[in-house]
N, C-alpha and C. Protein backbone atom coordinates (compact mmCIF):
# COMPACT_ATOMS: atom_id res chain seq x y z
N MET A 1 157.93 127.14 82.69
CA MET A 1 156.38 126.27 82.52
C MET A 1 155.76 126.84 82.49
N LYS A 2 154.30 127.25 81.42
CA LYS A 2 153.41 127.50 81.54
C LYS A 2 152.33 126.75 81.84
N PHE A 3 151.40 127.78 83.12
CA PHE A 3 150.42 126.91 83.32
C PHE A 3 149.49 126.57 82.29
N PRO A 4 148.37 125.57 82.32
CA PRO A 4 147.88 125.01 81.38
C PRO A 4 146.54 125.73 81.64
N VAL A 5 146.29 126.71 81.13
CA VAL A 5 144.95 128.10 81.14
C VAL A 5 143.53 127.09 80.98
N LEU A 6 143.85 126.87 79.99
CA LEU A 6 142.64 126.45 78.77
C LEU A 6 141.85 124.50 79.44
N PRO A 7 143.07 123.65 80.06
CA PRO A 7 142.78 122.41 80.96
C PRO A 7 141.91 123.27 81.99
N PHE A 8 141.92 124.02 82.26
CA PHE A 8 142.12 124.08 84.15
C PHE A 8 140.79 124.85 83.92
N LEU A 9 140.01 125.76 82.33
CA LEU A 9 139.06 126.69 82.53
C LEU A 9 138.45 125.22 82.16
N ILE A 10 138.59 124.41 81.48
CA ILE A 10 136.91 123.47 81.37
C ILE A 10 137.22 122.77 82.30
N ALA A 11 137.66 122.36 82.82
CA ALA A 11 137.38 121.51 84.30
C ALA A 11 136.96 122.33 85.28
N SER A 12 137.00 123.84 85.28
CA SER A 12 136.02 124.57 86.31
C SER A 12 134.72 124.49 85.70
N LEU A 13 134.55 124.54 85.09
CA LEU A 13 133.28 124.58 84.19
C LEU A 13 132.03 123.81 84.40
N VAL A 14 133.17 122.80 84.21
CA VAL A 14 132.38 121.83 84.57
C VAL A 14 131.78 121.43 85.97
N TRP A 15 133.00 121.70 87.23
CA TRP A 15 132.61 120.99 88.22
C TRP A 15 131.80 122.17 88.75
N ALA A 16 131.48 123.35 87.86
CA ALA A 16 131.03 124.83 88.46
C ALA A 16 129.21 124.05 87.87
N GLY A 17 129.04 123.37 86.41
CA GLY A 17 128.07 122.76 85.95
C GLY A 17 127.32 121.79 86.75
N CYS A 18 127.96 120.78 87.98
CA CYS A 18 127.76 120.19 88.74
C CYS A 18 127.22 120.25 90.22
N ALA A 19 127.36 121.66 90.16
CA ALA A 19 127.44 122.10 91.79
C ALA A 19 126.17 121.88 92.45
N THR A 20 125.38 121.83 93.20
CA THR A 20 124.18 122.23 93.84
C THR A 20 123.61 122.92 94.57
N ASN A 21 123.02 123.92 93.58
CA ASN A 21 122.85 125.30 94.73
C ASN A 21 121.47 124.46 95.66
N LYS A 22 122.06 125.20 97.11
CA LYS A 22 121.11 124.56 98.53
C LYS A 22 119.46 125.02 97.61
N TYR A 23 119.71 126.55 97.49
CA TYR A 23 117.73 127.05 97.64
C TYR A 23 117.33 126.43 96.18
N GLU A 24 118.20 125.77 95.42
CA GLU A 24 117.35 125.03 94.60
C GLU A 24 116.55 123.61 94.52
N THR A 25 117.15 123.19 95.52
CA THR A 25 117.39 122.06 96.29
C THR A 25 116.14 122.07 97.65
N LEU A 26 116.24 123.26 98.45
CA LEU A 26 115.06 123.11 98.88
C LEU A 26 113.57 124.29 98.64
N ALA A 27 113.14 124.33 97.20
CA ALA A 27 112.49 125.36 97.32
C ALA A 27 112.00 124.03 96.05
N PRO A 28 111.17 123.19 96.13
CA PRO A 28 111.06 121.94 95.19
C PRO A 28 110.14 122.63 94.18
N LEU A 29 110.94 121.46 93.53
CA LEU A 29 110.21 122.27 91.84
C LEU A 29 108.35 121.92 91.35
N PRO A 30 108.07 122.72 90.56
CA PRO A 30 106.66 122.47 91.02
C PRO A 30 105.69 121.03 90.21
N THR A 31 104.86 120.39 90.64
CA THR A 31 104.54 119.24 90.09
C THR A 31 103.28 119.73 89.79
N PRO A 32 102.94 118.45 88.60
CA PRO A 32 101.29 118.73 88.54
C PRO A 32 100.43 118.36 89.43
N ALA A 33 101.13 117.42 90.75
CA ALA A 33 100.32 117.22 91.87
C ALA A 33 100.16 117.68 92.70
N MET A 34 101.55 119.04 93.21
CA MET A 34 100.92 120.32 93.81
C MET A 34 99.75 121.32 93.12
N ALA A 35 100.09 121.31 91.61
CA ALA A 35 98.95 122.12 91.36
C ALA A 35 98.20 121.79 91.33
N GLU A 36 97.40 120.30 91.52
CA GLU A 36 95.96 120.04 91.76
C GLU A 36 96.08 120.03 93.07
N LYS A 37 96.55 119.98 93.79
CA LYS A 37 96.30 120.04 95.12
C LYS A 37 96.65 121.16 95.51
N SER A 38 97.05 122.15 95.39
CA SER A 38 96.73 123.74 95.27
C SER A 38 96.08 124.17 94.61
N GLY A 39 95.20 123.72 93.56
CA GLY A 39 94.28 124.25 92.78
C GLY A 39 94.56 125.65 91.63
N GLN A 40 96.47 125.85 91.52
CA GLN A 40 96.70 126.69 91.11
C GLN A 40 97.25 126.11 89.65
N PRO A 41 97.26 126.50 88.46
CA PRO A 41 98.01 125.87 87.19
C PRO A 41 99.53 125.60 87.81
N LEU A 42 100.30 124.23 87.27
CA LEU A 42 101.53 124.60 86.98
C LEU A 42 102.61 125.89 86.70
N SER A 43 101.81 126.55 85.33
CA SER A 43 102.61 126.75 85.05
C SER A 43 102.85 128.27 86.03
N THR A 44 101.92 128.74 86.76
CA THR A 44 102.01 129.90 87.31
C THR A 44 102.77 129.18 88.64
N LEU A 45 102.74 127.77 89.13
CA LEU A 45 104.02 127.85 90.40
C LEU A 45 105.26 127.59 89.94
N GLU A 46 105.65 127.41 88.95
CA GLU A 46 106.70 127.27 87.82
C GLU A 46 107.24 128.72 87.85
N GLN A 47 106.51 129.91 87.55
CA GLN A 47 106.93 131.30 87.63
C GLN A 47 107.01 131.55 89.05
N GLY A 48 106.60 131.42 90.30
CA GLY A 48 106.45 131.02 91.23
C GLY A 48 107.71 131.25 91.78
N ARG A 49 108.22 129.66 91.17
CA ARG A 49 109.57 129.36 92.06
C ARG A 49 111.11 130.16 91.37
N ILE A 50 110.37 130.42 89.85
CA ILE A 50 111.62 131.02 89.52
C ILE A 50 111.85 132.92 89.55
N VAL A 51 110.76 133.51 90.13
CA VAL A 51 110.93 134.57 90.64
C VAL A 51 111.17 134.92 92.03
N TYR A 52 111.09 133.07 93.00
CA TYR A 52 110.84 132.72 94.07
C TYR A 52 112.94 132.74 94.20
N LEU A 53 113.14 132.10 93.76
CA LEU A 53 114.74 131.78 93.70
C LEU A 53 115.27 132.87 92.69
N ALA A 54 115.01 133.38 92.05
CA ALA A 54 115.78 135.14 92.16
C ALA A 54 115.60 136.20 92.61
N GLN A 55 114.39 136.67 93.09
CA GLN A 55 114.82 137.88 93.62
C GLN A 55 114.46 137.46 95.41
N CYS A 56 113.95 136.68 95.78
CA CYS A 56 113.84 136.17 97.25
C CYS A 56 115.12 136.54 97.95
N GLY A 57 116.00 136.18 96.99
CA GLY A 57 117.41 135.93 98.24
C GLY A 57 118.20 136.99 97.72
N ARG A 58 118.02 138.07 97.10
CA ARG A 58 118.97 139.42 96.90
C ARG A 58 119.00 140.14 98.08
N CYS A 59 118.27 140.33 98.37
CA CYS A 59 118.26 140.76 100.46
C CYS A 59 118.62 140.62 101.08
N HIS A 60 118.06 139.19 101.39
CA HIS A 60 118.01 138.61 102.67
C HIS A 60 118.38 137.10 102.25
N GLU A 61 117.85 136.33 102.98
CA GLU A 61 118.56 134.50 102.72
C GLU A 61 117.16 134.18 102.65
N HIS A 62 117.26 133.08 101.86
CA HIS A 62 115.40 132.56 101.36
C HIS A 62 114.89 132.28 102.53
N GLN A 63 114.24 132.80 102.51
CA GLN A 63 113.02 132.15 103.05
C GLN A 63 111.92 130.27 103.19
N PHE A 64 112.18 129.07 103.23
CA PHE A 64 111.90 128.18 102.33
C PHE A 64 110.38 128.16 102.18
N PRO A 65 109.49 127.55 102.28
CA PRO A 65 108.50 127.11 102.59
C PRO A 65 107.72 126.61 103.31
N ASP A 66 108.82 125.67 103.64
CA ASP A 66 108.50 124.83 105.20
C ASP A 66 108.70 125.87 106.65
N THR A 67 109.15 126.48 106.45
CA THR A 67 110.10 127.30 107.36
C THR A 67 108.83 128.54 107.96
N VAL A 68 107.72 129.16 107.27
CA VAL A 68 107.08 130.11 107.52
C VAL A 68 105.26 129.97 107.42
N ASN A 69 104.73 129.85 108.29
CA ASN A 69 103.59 129.06 108.61
C ASN A 69 102.60 129.94 107.20
N THR A 70 101.63 128.98 106.95
CA THR A 70 100.81 129.87 105.95
C THR A 70 100.20 131.10 105.99
N LYS A 71 99.57 131.86 106.92
CA LYS A 71 98.74 132.54 107.90
C LYS A 71 100.38 133.62 107.66
N ASP A 72 100.91 133.92 108.00
CA ASP A 72 102.40 134.59 107.53
C ASP A 72 102.97 134.74 106.11
N TRP A 73 102.63 134.07 105.48
CA TRP A 73 102.79 134.25 104.20
C TRP A 73 102.88 134.57 103.36
N HIS A 74 101.10 135.01 103.93
CA HIS A 74 99.73 136.11 102.95
C HIS A 74 100.57 137.47 103.55
N VAL A 75 101.34 137.69 104.50
CA VAL A 75 101.40 138.88 104.66
C VAL A 75 102.72 139.13 104.74
N VAL A 76 104.24 138.45 104.37
CA VAL A 76 105.30 138.22 104.14
C VAL A 76 105.07 138.06 102.75
N VAL A 77 104.71 137.92 101.60
CA VAL A 77 105.02 138.31 100.00
C VAL A 77 104.49 138.99 99.46
N PRO A 78 102.82 139.86 100.18
CA PRO A 78 102.94 141.29 99.47
C PRO A 78 104.14 142.21 99.93
N GLY A 79 104.28 142.13 101.22
CA GLY A 79 105.02 143.43 102.03
C GLY A 79 106.72 143.41 101.21
N MET A 80 107.23 142.30 100.66
CA MET A 80 108.53 141.48 100.25
C MET A 80 108.06 142.31 98.63
N ALA A 81 107.22 141.76 97.76
CA ALA A 81 107.52 142.28 96.46
C ALA A 81 107.43 143.61 96.41
N TRP A 82 106.55 144.22 97.26
CA TRP A 82 106.57 145.74 97.30
C TRP A 82 108.20 146.04 97.24
N ASN A 83 108.54 146.07 98.69
CA ASN A 83 109.75 146.43 98.82
C ASN A 83 110.72 146.17 97.32
N ALA A 84 110.13 145.17 96.90
CA ALA A 84 110.87 144.70 95.82
C ALA A 84 110.97 145.51 94.45
N GLY A 85 109.96 145.72 94.38
CA GLY A 85 109.46 146.30 92.87
C GLY A 85 109.06 144.65 92.07
N ILE A 86 108.53 144.19 92.53
CA ILE A 86 108.11 142.36 91.88
C ILE A 86 106.47 143.22 91.45
N SER A 87 106.46 142.89 90.46
CA SER A 87 105.05 142.65 89.27
C SER A 87 103.70 142.23 90.67
N LYS A 88 102.35 142.45 90.75
CA LYS A 88 101.78 141.67 91.22
C LYS A 88 101.17 140.50 90.24
N SER A 89 101.08 140.61 89.22
CA SER A 89 101.33 139.20 88.95
C SER A 89 102.57 138.31 89.71
N ASP A 90 103.32 138.43 89.37
CA ASP A 90 104.59 137.98 89.47
C ASP A 90 104.50 137.12 91.58
N GLU A 91 103.90 138.51 91.83
CA GLU A 91 103.40 138.45 93.58
C GLU A 91 102.47 137.44 93.79
N LYS A 92 101.91 137.68 93.05
CA LYS A 92 100.85 136.05 93.38
C LYS A 92 101.17 134.52 92.79
N ALA A 93 102.15 134.86 91.60
CA ALA A 93 102.66 133.29 91.46
C ALA A 93 103.52 132.75 92.72
N VAL A 94 104.39 134.27 93.45
CA VAL A 94 105.46 133.48 94.52
C VAL A 94 104.72 132.95 95.99
N LEU A 95 103.42 133.79 96.04
CA LEU A 95 102.77 132.85 96.75
C LEU A 95 101.81 131.74 96.47
N ALA A 96 101.34 131.90 95.22
CA ALA A 96 101.07 130.81 94.80
C ALA A 96 101.90 129.96 95.29
N TYR A 97 103.13 129.51 94.98
CA TYR A 97 104.29 128.85 94.70
C TYR A 97 104.57 128.54 96.22
N VAL A 98 104.65 129.41 97.04
CA VAL A 98 104.85 128.73 98.08
C VAL A 98 104.25 128.08 99.12
N LEU A 99 102.94 128.72 99.27
CA LEU A 99 101.46 128.26 100.03
C LEU A 99 101.86 126.26 99.17
N ALA A 100 102.15 126.17 97.47
CA ALA A 100 101.81 124.95 96.89
C ALA A 100 102.64 124.26 97.57
N ALA A 101 104.70 125.12 97.75
CA ALA A 101 105.28 124.08 98.39
C ALA A 101 105.07 123.50 99.73
N LYS A 102 104.39 124.40 101.04
CA LYS A 102 104.06 124.16 101.72
C LYS A 102 103.86 122.42 101.68
N VAL A 103 102.22 122.11 101.33
CA VAL A 103 101.44 120.85 101.13
C VAL A 103 101.54 120.22 100.53
N LYS A 104 102.84 120.32 99.79
CA LYS A 104 103.64 119.21 98.92
C LYS A 104 103.30 118.02 99.34
N LYS A 105 103.26 117.93 100.35
CA LYS A 105 103.73 116.66 101.31
C LYS A 105 101.96 115.71 101.51
């Protein structure tokens, strides 16, 4: 008896698409309210979140915005961006994002 590969593959892809990435849920989506409150353009916050999710977990566990105090983010982000080879514009976007995400409440 042959194993039905195609139905299994389709079911696996559907299931994987429904899975929630914990980093994406703990790193809030930028909103117009976050942008207004932080004084940063929404597009900057969106770019910062994209870079944060893509880069910051490559070498270590993500540090979520609420887990680090504001003063430390100003030191951590430039240092980590330099280590990771992230551009200055992406570094500024990540910093803007994590600071805006901290004050989202």
